[in-house]
C-alpha atoms as a PDB file:
ATOM      1  CA  MET A   1     101.902 110.725 103.480  1.00  0.00           C
ATOM      2  CA  SER A   2      98.661 110.880 101.506  1.00  0.00           C
ATOM      3  CA  SER A   3      98.472 112.013  97.913  1.00  0.00           C
ATOM      4  CA  PRO A   4      95.435 113.678  96.324  1.00  0.00           C
ATOM      5  CA  THR A   5      94.331 110.298  94.976  1.00  0.00           C
ATOM      6  CA  THR A   6      94.549 108.551  98.346  1.00  0.00           C
ATOM      7  CA  PRO A   7      93.084 110.840 100.976  1.00  0.00           C
ATOM      8  CA  SER A   8      93.238 110.163 104.680  1.00  0.00           C
ATOM      9  CA  ILE A   9      90.055 108.800 106.226  1.00  0.00           C
ATOM     10  CA  SER A  10      89.121 112.161 107.782  1.00  0.00           C
ATOM     11  CA  THR A  11      89.790 113.903 104.461  1.00  0.00           C
ATOM     12  CA  ALA A  12      87.670 111.264 102.719  1.00  0.00           C
ATOM     13  CA  ILE A  13      84.779 111.965 105.105  1.00  0.00           C
ATOM     14  CA  GLU A  14      85.150 115.702 104.480  1.00  0.00           C
ATOM     15  CA  GLN A  15      85.004 115.005 100.731  1.00  0.00           C
ATOM     16  CA  LEU A  16      81.740 113.078 101.222  1.00  0.00           C
ATOM     17  CA  ARG A  17      80.299 115.874 103.372  1.00  0.00           C
ATOM     18  CA  ALA A  18      81.198 118.440 100.727  1.00  0.00           C
ATOM     19  CA  GLU A  19      79.380 116.438  98.048  1.00  0.00           C
ATOM     20  CA  ILE A  20      76.321 115.941 100.258  1.00  0.00           C
ATOM     21  CA  ILE A  21      75.816 119.667 100.788  1.00  0.00           C
ATOM     22  CA  ALA A  22      77.031 120.841  97.373  1.00  0.00           C
ATOM     23  CA  PRO A  23      74.215 122.818  95.717  1.00  0.00           C
ATOM     24  CA  ASP A  24      75.555 121.874  92.265  1.00  0.00           C
ATOM     25  CA  TRP A  25      74.307 118.393  91.393  1.00  0.00           C
ATOM     26  CA  GLN A  26      76.291 118.255  88.159  1.00  0.00           C
ATOM     27  CA  LEU A  27      79.257 116.122  89.175  1.00  0.00           C
ATOM     28  CA  SER A  28      82.277 116.872  87.001  1.00  0.00           C
ATOM     29  CA  PRO A  29      84.708 114.072  86.104  1.00  0.00           C
ATOM     30  CA  GLN A  30      87.219 115.541  88.586  1.00  0.00           C
ATOM     31  CA  ARG A  31      84.665 115.529  91.417  1.00  0.00           C
ATOM     32  CA  LEU A  32      83.684 111.950  90.578  1.00  0.00           C
ATOM     33  CA  THR A  33      87.348 110.888  90.625  1.00  0.00           C
ATOM     34  CA  ARG A  34      87.926 112.536  94.019  1.00  0.00           C
ATOM     35  CA  LEU A  35      84.714 111.025  95.348  1.00  0.00           C
ATOM     36  CA  LYS A  36      85.669 107.548  94.180  1.00  0.00           C
ATOM     37  CA  ALA A  37      89.121 107.876  95.799  1.00  0.00           C
ATOM     38  CA  ALA A  38      87.463 108.957  99.054  1.00  0.00           C
ATOM     39  CA  LEU A  39      85.084 105.978  98.971  1.00  0.00           C
ATOM     40  CA  PHE A  40      87.928 103.541  98.307  1.00  0.00           C
ATOM     41  CA  LYS A  41      89.865 105.018 101.227  1.00  0.00           C
ATOM     42  CA  LEU A  42      86.942 104.396 103.586  1.00  0.00           C
ATOM     43  CA  ASP A  43      87.088 100.683 102.782  1.00  0.00           C
ATOM     44  CA  SER A  44      89.909 100.343 105.323  1.00  0.00           C
ATOM     45  CA  PHE A  45      87.819 102.017 108.035  1.00  0.00           C
ATOM     46  CA  PHE A  46      84.793  99.775 107.485  1.00  0.00           C
ATOM     47  CA  THR A  47      86.747  96.560 106.835  1.00  0.00           C
ATOM     48  CA  ASN A  48      84.826  94.433 109.344  1.00  0.00           C
ATOM     49  CA  ARG A  49      81.403  96.000 108.750  1.00  0.00           C
ATOM     50  CA  SER A  50      79.718  94.234 105.848  1.00  0.00           C
ATOM     51  CA  HIS A  51      76.655  96.488 105.713  1.00  0.00           C
ATOM     52  CA  ALA A  52      78.760  99.652 105.642  1.00  0.00           C
ATOM     53  CA  LEU A  53      80.827  98.053 102.875  1.00  0.00           C
ATOM     54  CA  THR A  54      77.585  97.416 100.982  1.00  0.00           C
ATOM     55  CA  LEU A  55      76.794 101.133 101.189  1.00  0.00           C
ATOM     56  CA  LEU A  56      80.299 101.902  99.902  1.00  0.00           C
ATOM     57  CA  LYS A  57      79.918  99.439  97.009  1.00  0.00           C
ATOM     58  CA  MET A  58      76.607 100.981  96.000  1.00  0.00           C
ATOM     59  CA  ALA A  59      78.102 104.480  96.095  1.00  0.00           C
ATOM     60  CA  ILE A  60      81.099 103.356  94.028  1.00  0.00           C
ATOM     61  CA  SER A  61      78.778 101.680  91.517  1.00  0.00           C
ATOM     62  CA  VAL A  62      76.710 104.861  91.167  1.00  0.00           C
ATOM     63  CA  VAL A  63      79.864 106.955  90.729  1.00  0.00           C
ATOM     64  CA  GLY A  64      81.008 104.545  88.008  1.00  0.00           C
ATOM     65  CA  HIS A  65      77.582 104.773  86.367  1.00  0.00           C
ATOM     66  CA  LEU A  66      77.714 108.566  86.443  1.00  0.00           C
ATOM     67  CA  GLU A  67      81.213 108.505  84.950  1.00  0.00           C
ATOM     68  CA  GLN A  68      79.966 106.389  82.047  1.00  0.00           C
ATOM     69  CA  HIS A  69      76.502 107.843  81.470  1.00  0.00           C
ATOM     70  CA  GLY A  70      76.684 111.418  82.715  1.00  0.00           C
ATOM     71  CA  ASN A  71      74.681 113.086  85.433  1.00  0.00           C
ATOM     72  CA  GLN A  72      71.225 111.700  86.162  1.00  0.00           C
ATOM     73  CA  VAL A  73      69.112 113.328  88.843  1.00  0.00           C
ATOM     74  CA  ASN A  74      67.853 110.067  90.400  1.00  0.00           C
ATOM     75  CA  ALA A  75      71.351 108.593  90.578  1.00  0.00           C
ATOM     76  CA  VAL A  76      72.863 111.761  92.089  1.00  0.00           C
ATOM     77  CA  ASP A  77      69.968 111.966  94.558  1.00  0.00           C
ATOM     78  CA  PHE A  78      70.576 108.369  95.649  1.00  0.00           C
ATOM     79  CA  LEU A  79      74.329 108.981  95.827  1.00  0.00           C
ATOM     80  CA  LYS A  80      73.940 111.969  98.135  1.00  0.00           C
ATOM     81  CA  GLU A  81      71.640 109.997 100.435  1.00  0.00           C
ATOM     82  CA  ASP A  82      74.023 107.021 100.430  1.00  0.00           C
ATOM     83  CA  LEU A  83      76.969 109.300 101.217  1.00  0.00           C
ATOM     84  CA  ALA A  84      74.981 110.736 104.137  1.00  0.00           C
ATOM     85  CA  HIS A  85      74.454 107.205 105.496  1.00  0.00           C
ATOM     86  CA  ILE A  86      78.178 106.462 105.190  1.00  0.00           C
ATOM     87  CA  VAL A  87      79.127 109.676 107.003  1.00  0.00           C
ATOM     88  CA  SER A  88      76.535 108.937 109.683  1.00  0.00           C
ATOM     89  CA  LEU A  89      77.931 105.439 110.256  1.00  0.00           C
ATOM     90  CA  TYR A  90      81.428 106.890 110.500  1.00  0.00           C
ATOM     91  CA  GLU A  91      80.309 109.469 113.067  1.00  0.00           C
ATOM     92  CA  ASP A  92      78.187 107.128 115.222  1.00  0.00           C
ATOM     93  CA  ASP A  93      79.715 106.765 118.660  1.00  0.00           C
ATOM     94  CA  GLU A  94      78.564 103.178 119.004  1.00  0.00           C
ATOM     95  CA  TYR A  95      78.481 100.463 116.384  1.00  0.00           C
ATOM     96  CA  ASP A  96      74.904  99.247 116.029  1.00  0.00           C
ATOM     97  CA  PRO A  97      74.848  96.290 113.598  1.00  0.00           C
ATOM     98  CA  VAL A  98      71.037  96.108 113.558  1.00  0.00           C
ATOM     99  CA  LYS A  99      70.656  99.787 112.637  1.00  0.00           C
ATOM    100  CA  GLU A 100      73.452  99.468 110.082  1.00  0.00           C
ATOM    101  CA  LYS A 101      71.758  96.452 108.450  1.00  0.00           C
ATOM    102  CA  GLU A 102      68.399  98.246 108.299  1.00  0.00           C
ATOM    103  CA  THR A 103      70.033 101.302 106.718  1.00  0.00           C
ATOM    104  CA  ALA A 104      71.876  99.175 104.152  1.00  0.00           C
ATOM    105  CA  ASP A 105      68.730  97.180 103.327  1.00  0.00           C
ATOM    106  CA  ARG A 106      66.651 100.341 102.750  1.00  0.00           C
ATOM    107  CA  ALA A 107      69.387 101.855 100.627  1.00  0.00           C
ATOM    108  CA  HIS A 108      69.762  98.640  98.632  1.00  0.00           C
ATOM    109  CA  LYS A 109      66.027  98.566  97.797  1.00  0.00           C
ATOM    110  CA  ARG A 110      66.291 102.113  96.521  1.00  0.00           C
ATOM    111  CA  PHE A 111      69.495 101.262  94.648  1.00  0.00           C
ATOM    112  CA  LEU A 112      67.727  98.410  92.836  1.00  0.00           C
ATOM    113  CA  ARG A 113      65.082 100.841  91.583  1.00  0.00           C
ATOM    114  CA  LEU A 114      67.836 102.871  89.927  1.00  0.00           C
ATOM    115  CA  ASN A 115      68.560  99.876  87.695  1.00  0.00           C
ATOM    116  CA  ILE A 116      72.319 100.349  88.097  1.00  0.00           C
ATOM    117  CA  TYR A 117      74.388  97.207  88.320  1.00  0.00           C
ATOM    118  CA  LEU A 118      76.338  96.699  91.501  1.00  0.00           C
ATOM    119  CA  ALA A 119      79.983  96.340  90.565  1.00  0.00           C
ATOM    120  CA  GLU A 120      81.215  92.809  91.263  1.00  0.00           C
ATOM    121  CA  ASP A 121      83.604  93.930  93.964  1.00  0.00           C
ATOM    122  CA  PRO A 122      84.852  97.445  93.325  1.00  0.00           C
ATOM    123  CA  LEU A 123      86.698  97.498  96.624  1.00  0.00           C
ATOM    124  CA  ALA A 124      88.675  94.382  95.703  1.00  0.00           C
ATOM    125  CA  SER A 125      89.561  95.895  92.341  1.00  0.00           C
ATOM    126  CA  ALA A 126      90.761  99.010  94.170  1.00  0.00           C
ATOM    127  CA  SER A 127      92.952  96.785  96.290  1.00  0.00           C
ATOM    128  CA  LYS A 128      94.386  95.242  93.112  1.00  0.00           C
ATOM    129  CA  VAL A 129      95.109  98.714  91.760  1.00  0.00           C
ATOM    130  CA  GLN A 130      96.874  99.602  95.006  1.00  0.00           C
ATOM    131  CA  ASP A 131      98.835  96.308  94.843  1.00  0.00           C
ATOM    132  CA  ALA A 132      99.819  97.080  91.246  1.00  0.00           C
ATOM    133  CA  ALA A 133     100.953 100.546  92.287  1.00  0.00           C
ATOM    134  CA  LYS A 134     103.053  98.982  95.072  1.00  0.00           C
ATOM    135  CA  LEU A 135     104.582  96.573  92.545  1.00  0.00           C
ATOM    136  CA  LEU A 136     105.477  99.436  90.224  1.00  0.00           C
ATOM    137  CA  ASP A 137     106.958 101.382  93.145  1.00  0.00           C
ATOM    138  CA  ALA A 138     109.077  98.322  94.032  1.00  0.00           C
ATOM    139  CA  LEU A 139     110.256  98.002  90.421  1.00  0.00           C
ATOM    140  CA  GLU A 140     111.086 101.685  90.291  1.00  0.00           C
ATOM    141  CA  THR A 141     113.074 101.377  93.525  1.00  0.00           C
ATOM    142  CA  LEU A 142     114.925  98.357  92.127  1.00  0.00           C
ATOM    143  CA  VAL A 143     115.824 100.248  88.954  1.00  0.00           C
ATOM    144  CA  THR A 144     117.010 103.240  90.972  1.00  0.00           C
ATOM    145  CA  GLU A 145     119.088 101.046  93.276  1.00  0.00           C
ATOM    146  CA  THR A 146     120.709  99.112  90.417  1.00  0.00           C
ATOM    147  CA  ALA A 147     121.358 102.074  88.117  1.00  0.00           C
ATOM    148  CA  HIS A 148     124.805 102.576  89.642  1.00  0.00           C
ATOM    149  CA  LEU A 149     125.964  98.965  89.028  1.00  0.00           C
ATOM    150  CA  PRO A 150     127.812  99.606  85.730  1.00  0.00           C
ATOM    151  CA  ASP A 151     129.950 102.277  87.396  1.00  0.00           C
ATOM    152  CA  LEU A 152     130.502  99.996  90.377  1.00  0.00           C
ATOM    153  CA  LEU A 153     131.690  97.186  88.093  1.00  0.00           C
ATOM    154  CA  LYS A 154     134.134  99.573  86.400  1.00  0.00           C
ATOM    155  CA  LEU A 155     135.608 100.437  89.797  1.00  0.00           C
ATOM    156  CA  SER A 156     135.922  96.820  90.892  1.00  0.00           C
ATOM    157  CA  GLY A 157     138.433  95.922  88.185  1.00  0.00           C
ATOM    158  CA  PRO A 158     138.475  92.831  86.011  1.00  0.00           C
ATOM    159  CA  LEU A 159     136.257  89.913  86.994  1.00  0.00           C
ATOM    160  CA  SER A 160     137.410  86.325  87.197  1.00  0.00           C
ATOM    161  CA  PRO A 161     135.832  83.911  84.695  1.00  0.00           C
ATOM    162  CA  ASP A 162     133.655  82.483  87.498  1.00  0.00           C
ATOM    163  CA  ASP A 163     132.495  85.971  88.519  1.00  0.00           C
ATOM    164  CA  ARG A 164     131.766  86.859  84.857  1.00  0.00           C
ATOM    165  CA  ASN A 165     129.656  83.700  84.538  1.00  0.00           C
ATOM    166  CA  ARG A 166     127.857  84.501  87.780  1.00  0.00           C
ATOM    167  CA  ALA A 167     127.201  88.101  86.606  1.00  0.00           C
ATOM    168  CA  ALA A 168     125.930  86.852  83.246  1.00  0.00           C
ATOM    169  CA  SER A 169     123.622  84.385  85.021  1.00  0.00           C
ATOM    170  CA  LEU A 170     122.271  87.090  87.341  1.00  0.00           C
ATOM    171  CA  LEU A 171     121.718  89.523  84.468  1.00  0.00           C
ATOM    172  CA  GLY A 172     119.970  86.765  82.516  1.00  0.00           C
ATOM    173  CA  LYS A 173     117.655  86.092  85.474  1.00  0.00           C
ATOM    174  CA  ILE A 174     116.905  89.810  85.833  1.00  0.00           C
ATOM    175  CA  SER A 175     116.156  90.059  82.117  1.00  0.00           C
ATOM    176  CA  ALA A 176     113.902  86.973  82.255  1.00  0.00           C
ATOM    177  CA  ALA A 177     112.042  88.357  85.288  1.00  0.00           C
ATOM    178  CA  ILE A 178     111.493  91.671  83.493  1.00  0.00           C
ATOM    179  CA  ASN A 179     110.229  89.901  80.372  1.00  0.00           C
ATOM    180  CA  ILE A 180     107.856  87.715  82.413  1.00  0.00           C
ATOM    181  CA  THR A 181     106.575  90.758  84.312  1.00  0.00           C
ATOM    182  CA  TRP A 182     106.037  92.630  81.049  1.00  0.00           C
ATOM    183  CA  ALA A 183     104.165  89.695  79.527  1.00  0.00           C
ATOM    184  CA  HIS A 184     101.824  89.526  82.534  1.00  0.00           C
ATOM    185  CA  LEU A 185     100.961  93.214  82.665  1.00  0.00           C
ATOM    186  CA  PRO A 186      97.240  93.690  82.046  1.00  0.00           C
ATOM    187  CA  PRO A 187      96.305  95.706  78.985  1.00  0.00           C
ATOM    188  CA  ALA A 188      95.900  99.432  79.476  1.00  0.00           C
ATOM    189  CA  SER A 189      92.324 100.503  80.150  1.00  0.00           C
ATOM    190  CA  ASN A 190      90.799 103.199  78.008  1.00  0.00           C
END
């Protein structure tokens, strides 16, 4: 089931179409966030198409630039054109690598004139964010599943000395794993 931050591919395309035809060229932070989520979602559709991924990376870089520096007519103009190319590639009945390369090359020349830096690999960083979210979901599931253990231990009766040692060892390992995980969490971004 998709959440608002991870739209389905068809919903992502609809989001791009809406931005292409939107008469208001002042992209609010909310619209930029939705647009970025849509672009990240399309990464999975274009996985094996390097030139389409280049178009996505440029669009993501422009969205990031707009988030940091506010609306700029040239950047928004490029973004709308780039989004149109992405939608067109999605809708094409046949994959034409030559046409796709030519489109990406033309767009890249125009992108360079904007003097916006291409993010190193915004799609890879999105993957890391998704992996981190999966890790947190797994931790949350683990906490939920183990929350009932104290009550379960009360019901089981007294533990033998060996079982107490084993429980202490397991709890120590869990505590160490939590501490190591906490120490390796990246700092919060502002």
